[in-house]
Amino acid sequence: MPRVTTKGQVTIPKPIREELGIEPGDEVAFEETDAGYTIRKQEPTTAEGGDPFEKYRGSAGSDHTMPERMRRLRGTYPRDVDREAEDADSEADV
């Protein structure tokens, strides 16, 4: 059975953390019920209570696929794989 430390901290048992999906750094909420209190994982929020990721939703809108965008960001573009294979075969014949 977990005990409260002098700092008011308690360790949430691993099976409960796993069931609730609680990981280090996550916030939890205690909610009062008729039977006492319940604990649940708190979704990330900003200081104003909003979703911290909302401002980024849709900002990567593009007709390109993610691999295409990553290649462009990295400065690498798709290679002609068939041509490279032919070049390697012709070099092997020499």
N, C-alpha and C. Protein backbone atom coordinates (compact mmCIF):
# COMPACT_ATOMS: atom_id res chain seq x y z
N MET A 1 0.85 -1.18 0.00
CA MET A 1 0.00 0.00 0.00
C MET A 1 0.90 1.24 0.00
N PRO A 2 0.70 2.17 -0.96
CA PRO A 2 1.50 3.39 -1.02
C PRO A 2 1.26 4.27 0.21
N ARG A 3 2.31 5.00 0.59
CA ARG A 3 2.21 5.93 1.72
C ARG A 3 2.52 7.34 1.24
N VAL A 4 1.95 8.31 1.89
CA VAL A 4 2.19 9.71 1.58
C VAL A 4 3.48 10.14 2.27
N THR A 5 4.37 10.81 1.51
CA THR A 5 5.63 11.30 2.08
C THR A 5 5.38 12.61 2.83
N THR A 6 6.41 13.10 3.50
CA THR A 6 6.28 14.37 4.23
C THR A 6 6.03 15.53 3.27
N LYS A 7 6.37 15.36 1.99
CA LYS A 7 6.11 16.39 0.98
C LYS A 7 4.73 16.24 0.35
N GLY A 8 3.94 15.28 0.82
CA GLY A 8 2.60 15.08 0.26
C GLY A 8 2.60 14.27 -1.02
N GLN A 9 3.70 13.57 -1.32
CA GLN A 9 3.80 12.79 -2.54
C GLN A 9 3.45 11.33 -2.27
N VAL A 10 2.95 10.68 -3.31
CA VAL A 10 2.63 9.26 -3.22
C VAL A 10 3.00 8.61 -4.55
N THR A 11 3.47 7.39 -4.51
CA THR A 11 3.79 6.66 -5.73
C THR A 11 2.55 5.92 -6.20
N ILE A 12 2.18 6.16 -7.44
CA ILE A 12 1.04 5.45 -8.03
C ILE A 12 1.56 4.08 -8.46
N PRO A 13 0.95 3.01 -8.00
CA PRO A 13 1.43 1.67 -8.37
C PRO A 13 1.48 1.47 -9.89
N LYS A 14 2.49 0.74 -10.33
CA LYS A 14 2.72 0.53 -11.77
C LYS A 14 1.50 0.00 -12.51
N PRO A 15 0.78 -1.02 -12.00
CA PRO A 15 -0.39 -1.51 -12.75
C PRO A 15 -1.44 -0.40 -12.99
N ILE A 16 -1.60 0.49 -12.02
CA ILE A 16 -2.57 1.58 -12.17
C ILE A 16 -2.05 2.60 -13.18
N ARG A 17 -0.75 2.94 -13.11
CA ARG A 17 -0.17 3.86 -14.10
C ARG A 17 -0.34 3.31 -15.50
N GLU A 18 -0.06 2.01 -15.67
CA GLU A 18 -0.18 1.40 -17.00
C GLU A 18 -1.62 1.42 -17.48
N GLU A 19 -2.57 1.10 -16.60
CA GLU A 19 -3.98 1.07 -17.00
C GLU A 19 -4.48 2.47 -17.39
N LEU A 20 -4.01 3.49 -16.67
CA LEU A 20 -4.43 4.86 -16.96
C LEU A 20 -3.58 5.53 -18.03
N GLY A 21 -2.48 4.88 -18.43
CA GLY A 21 -1.60 5.46 -19.45
C GLY A 21 -0.78 6.63 -18.91
N ILE A 22 -0.49 6.61 -17.61
CA ILE A 22 0.27 7.69 -16.99
C ILE A 22 1.76 7.42 -17.13
N GLU A 23 2.47 8.41 -17.67
CA GLU A 23 3.91 8.31 -17.85
C GLU A 23 4.59 9.47 -17.13
N PRO A 24 5.92 9.37 -16.90
CA PRO A 24 6.61 10.46 -16.21
C PRO A 24 6.36 11.80 -16.90
N GLY A 25 6.05 12.81 -16.11
CA GLY A 25 5.78 14.14 -16.64
C GLY A 25 4.30 14.41 -16.89
N ASP A 26 3.48 13.37 -16.92
CA ASP A 26 2.04 13.57 -17.13
C ASP A 26 1.43 14.22 -15.90
N GLU A 27 0.32 14.92 -16.11
CA GLU A 27 -0.43 15.51 -15.02
C GLU A 27 -1.64 14.63 -14.73
N VAL A 28 -2.04 14.57 -13.47
CA VAL A 28 -3.22 13.80 -13.08
C VAL A 28 -4.20 14.74 -12.40
N ALA A 29 -5.46 14.35 -12.43
CA ALA A 29 -6.51 15.14 -11.78
C ALA A 29 -7.19 14.28 -10.74
N PHE A 30 -7.51 14.89 -9.60
CA PHE A 30 -8.26 14.22 -8.54
C PHE A 30 -9.65 14.81 -8.56
N GLU A 31 -10.65 13.94 -8.70
CA GLU A 31 -12.02 14.41 -8.76
C GLU A 31 -12.81 13.84 -7.59
N GLU A 32 -13.52 14.72 -6.91
CA GLU A 32 -14.32 14.31 -5.76
C GLU A 32 -15.58 13.58 -6.24
N THR A 33 -15.87 12.47 -5.62
CA THR A 33 -17.08 11.70 -5.91
C THR A 33 -17.80 11.45 -4.59
N ASP A 34 -18.99 10.85 -4.66
CA ASP A 34 -19.73 10.53 -3.44
C ASP A 34 -18.96 9.53 -2.58
N ALA A 35 -18.16 8.68 -3.22
CA ALA A 35 -17.42 7.64 -2.50
C ALA A 35 -16.03 8.10 -2.06
N GLY A 36 -15.61 9.29 -2.43
CA GLY A 36 -14.27 9.77 -2.09
C GLY A 36 -13.69 10.56 -3.24
N TYR A 37 -12.53 10.11 -3.74
CA TYR A 37 -11.87 10.75 -4.86
C TYR A 37 -11.47 9.72 -5.91
N THR A 38 -11.44 10.17 -7.15
CA THR A 38 -10.91 9.33 -8.23
C THR A 38 -9.72 10.07 -8.83
N ILE A 39 -8.84 9.30 -9.46
CA ILE A 39 -7.68 9.89 -10.13
C ILE A 39 -7.80 9.57 -11.61
N ARG A 40 -7.46 10.52 -12.44
CA ARG A 40 -7.45 10.27 -13.88
C ARG A 40 -6.32 11.06 -14.50
N LYS A 41 -5.88 10.59 -15.66
CA LYS A 41 -4.83 11.29 -16.39
C LYS A 41 -5.42 12.58 -16.93
N GLN A 42 -4.71 13.67 -16.74
CA GLN A 42 -5.15 14.98 -17.22
C GLN A 42 -4.55 15.22 -18.59
N GLU A 43 -5.36 15.64 -19.53
CA GLU A 43 -4.85 15.97 -20.86
C GLU A 43 -4.00 17.23 -20.77
N PRO A 44 -2.95 17.34 -21.59
CA PRO A 44 -2.11 18.55 -21.55
C PRO A 44 -2.92 19.80 -21.87
N THR A 45 -2.66 20.87 -21.14
CA THR A 45 -3.35 22.13 -21.38
C THR A 45 -2.37 23.29 -21.26
N THR A 46 -2.76 24.41 -21.81
CA THR A 46 -1.97 25.64 -21.66
C THR A 46 -2.37 26.29 -20.34
N ALA A 47 -1.71 27.37 -19.98
CA ALA A 47 -2.04 28.10 -18.76
C ALA A 47 -3.49 28.59 -18.79
N GLU A 48 -3.99 28.85 -19.99
CA GLU A 48 -5.38 29.32 -20.13
C GLU A 48 -6.38 28.17 -20.17
N GLY A 49 -5.89 26.93 -20.16
CA GLY A 49 -6.77 25.76 -20.15
C GLY A 49 -7.04 25.18 -21.52
N GLY A 50 -6.40 25.71 -22.56
CA GLY A 50 -6.63 25.19 -23.91
C GLY A 50 -5.69 24.07 -24.28
N ASP A 51 -5.88 23.52 -25.45
CA ASP A 51 -5.04 22.46 -25.99
C ASP A 51 -3.74 23.07 -26.49
N PRO A 52 -2.56 22.65 -25.95
CA PRO A 52 -1.31 23.27 -26.36
C PRO A 52 -0.91 22.98 -27.81
N PHE A 53 -1.53 21.99 -28.42
CA PHE A 53 -1.17 21.62 -29.79
C PHE A 53 -2.13 22.19 -30.83
N GLU A 54 -3.19 22.83 -30.37
CA GLU A 54 -4.21 23.34 -31.29
C GLU A 54 -3.63 24.30 -32.32
N LYS A 55 -2.70 25.16 -31.92
CA LYS A 55 -2.17 26.15 -32.87
C LYS A 55 -1.36 25.50 -33.98
N TYR A 56 -0.95 24.23 -33.81
CA TYR A 56 -0.17 23.55 -34.84
C TYR A 56 -1.02 22.68 -35.75
N ARG A 57 -2.27 22.45 -35.42
CA ARG A 57 -3.13 21.59 -36.23
C ARG A 57 -3.32 22.20 -37.62
N GLY A 58 -3.04 21.40 -38.63
CA GLY A 58 -3.23 21.84 -40.00
C GLY A 58 -2.10 22.69 -40.55
N SER A 59 -1.08 22.98 -39.74
CA SER A 59 -0.01 23.86 -40.22
C SER A 59 0.90 23.17 -41.23
N ALA A 60 0.84 21.86 -41.31
CA ALA A 60 1.67 21.14 -42.27
C ALA A 60 0.85 20.73 -43.49
N GLY A 61 -0.24 21.43 -43.74
CA GLY A 61 -1.10 21.10 -44.86
C GLY A 61 -0.35 21.14 -46.18
N SER A 62 -0.45 20.07 -46.94
CA SER A 62 0.26 19.97 -48.21
C SER A 62 -0.29 18.79 -48.99
N ASP A 63 -0.09 18.83 -50.30
CA ASP A 63 -0.49 17.69 -51.12
C ASP A 63 0.59 16.62 -51.14
N HIS A 64 1.78 16.94 -50.57
CA HIS A 64 2.88 15.99 -50.55
C HIS A 64 2.75 15.02 -49.39
N THR A 65 3.30 13.83 -49.55
CA THR A 65 3.30 12.86 -48.47
C THR A 65 4.37 13.24 -47.45
N MET A 66 4.28 12.66 -46.28
CA MET A 66 5.28 12.96 -45.24
C MET A 66 6.69 12.61 -45.70
N PRO A 67 6.93 11.43 -46.32
CA PRO A 67 8.29 11.14 -46.80
C PRO A 67 8.79 12.18 -47.81
N GLU A 68 7.90 12.65 -48.68
CA GLU A 68 8.30 13.68 -49.65
C GLU A 68 8.69 14.97 -48.94
N ARG A 69 7.91 15.36 -47.93
CA ARG A 69 8.23 16.58 -47.17
C ARG A 69 9.56 16.43 -46.44
N MET A 70 9.80 15.25 -45.85
CA MET A 70 11.04 15.02 -45.12
C MET A 70 12.24 15.06 -46.06
N ARG A 71 12.11 14.46 -47.24
CA ARG A 71 13.21 14.50 -48.22
C ARG A 71 13.52 15.94 -48.61
N ARG A 72 12.47 16.73 -48.81
CA ARG A 72 12.67 18.13 -49.20
C ARG A 72 13.35 18.89 -48.06
N LEU A 73 12.93 18.66 -46.82
CA LEU A 73 13.55 19.33 -45.68
C LEU A 73 15.01 18.94 -45.52
N ARG A 74 15.32 17.68 -45.78
CA ARG A 74 16.69 17.19 -45.62
C ARG A 74 17.56 17.50 -46.83
N GLY A 75 16.93 17.93 -47.93
CA GLY A 75 17.69 18.23 -49.13
C GLY A 75 17.98 17.00 -49.97
N THR A 76 17.30 15.89 -49.70
CA THR A 76 17.48 14.68 -50.51
C THR A 76 16.20 14.43 -51.28
N TYR A 77 16.35 14.02 -52.49
CA TYR A 77 15.19 13.78 -53.33
C TYR A 77 15.20 12.33 -53.78
N PRO A 78 14.06 11.82 -54.20
CA PRO A 78 13.98 10.42 -54.62
C PRO A 78 15.01 10.09 -55.69
N ARG A 79 15.61 8.93 -55.55
CA ARG A 79 16.59 8.47 -56.54
C ARG A 79 15.90 7.58 -57.56
N ASP A 80 16.49 7.48 -58.69
CA ASP A 80 15.99 6.57 -59.71
C ASP A 80 16.60 5.21 -59.41
N VAL A 81 15.90 4.40 -58.63
CA VAL A 81 16.43 3.13 -58.14
C VAL A 81 16.72 2.18 -59.29
N ASP A 82 15.84 2.11 -60.29
CA ASP A 82 16.06 1.19 -61.42
C ASP A 82 17.34 1.55 -62.17
N ARG A 83 17.56 2.83 -62.38
CA ARG A 83 18.75 3.26 -63.11
C ARG A 83 20.02 2.92 -62.32
N GLU A 84 20.00 3.13 -61.00
CA GLU A 84 21.15 2.80 -60.17
C GLU A 84 21.44 1.30 -60.21
N ALA A 85 20.39 0.49 -60.23
CA ALA A 85 20.57 -0.96 -60.30
C ALA A 85 21.20 -1.36 -61.63
N GLU A 86 20.77 -0.71 -62.72
CA GLU A 86 21.34 -1.01 -64.04
C GLU A 86 22.81 -0.62 -64.09
N ASP A 87 23.13 0.56 -63.51
CA ASP A 87 24.53 1.02 -63.48
C ASP A 87 25.39 0.04 -62.68
N ALA A 88 24.88 -0.46 -61.56
CA ALA A 88 25.64 -1.42 -60.75
C ALA A 88 25.84 -2.71 -61.50
N ASP A 89 24.83 -3.17 -62.25
CA ASP A 89 24.95 -4.40 -63.03
C ASP A 89 25.98 -4.25 -64.13
N SER A 90 25.98 -3.09 -64.81
CA SER A 90 26.92 -2.90 -65.91
C SER A 90 28.35 -2.80 -65.39
N GLU A 91 28.56 -2.22 -64.20
CA GLU A 91 29.88 -2.15 -63.60
C GLU A 91 30.38 -3.54 -63.20
N ALA A 92 29.46 -4.40 -62.76
CA ALA A 92 29.83 -5.76 -62.36
C ALA A 92 30.27 -6.58 -63.56
N ASP A 93 29.74 -6.26 -64.75
CA ASP A 93 30.07 -7.01 -65.95
C ASP A 93 31.48 -6.66 -66.44
N VAL A 94 32.01 -5.54 -66.05
CA VAL A 94 33.31 -5.07 -66.55
C VAL A 94 34.44 -5.81 -65.93
